[in-house]
């Protein structure tokens, strides 16, 4: 089984899992911004594995591509569905709205990934329905905007926004182009910049709380 990791694309996916576990660990231990920052690395690595797989398709052994497709799909579930749902639960602190939003996101995300596994992209390389890969970047943007929101506004806005996104995940009328070619390094640069911004917010907040009273 481990022999399937002796492949450039699958090795990249394995590294993506490392950052996914780091992200979950940090978030579940109260470091939500740092957790999302780590998960953004899973996100852009998830784009690179597909990019590398296409570039090295002529070098891959039989069965490696099929393994990679499933391996990548589980990573999509973690960073695009499970992780955002967990963050909604954490910031919602047991509210009914956070439960509803998380349930809706998990169901729609699982349906969306299962559909893509069997149907794939359209003839013009577009996704049907918004892909789950949009979830973690949206979560990161919301966290950047969090200091501008008062009271429980953030928790409510996050749950409502992801409830809408969950519906769009399974909407046939939505067509979204895949991130390919030059879009991959651009997406990588943006993800790294946002992850650094989230880290900076965390450290500034820690310094503020630890400063003179």
Foldseek 3Di string as FASTA:
>chain_A
DCVLCVAVLNVLLVVLVVLLVVLVVCVVVPLNLLSLLSNLSSLLSLVVSVQRCVVCVVPDDPPSVVVSLVSSLVSLCRSLQVVLLVNLCVLLVPDPLSVVLNVLRNVLLVVLSVVCVPPNADPVQKRQFDHSSVRSVVVLVLVVCVVVDDDCPSSNVSSVVSNVSSVRSPHRVDIGHDQHDPSSVVSVVVSNVSSVVSVVVVVVVVCVVPDDD
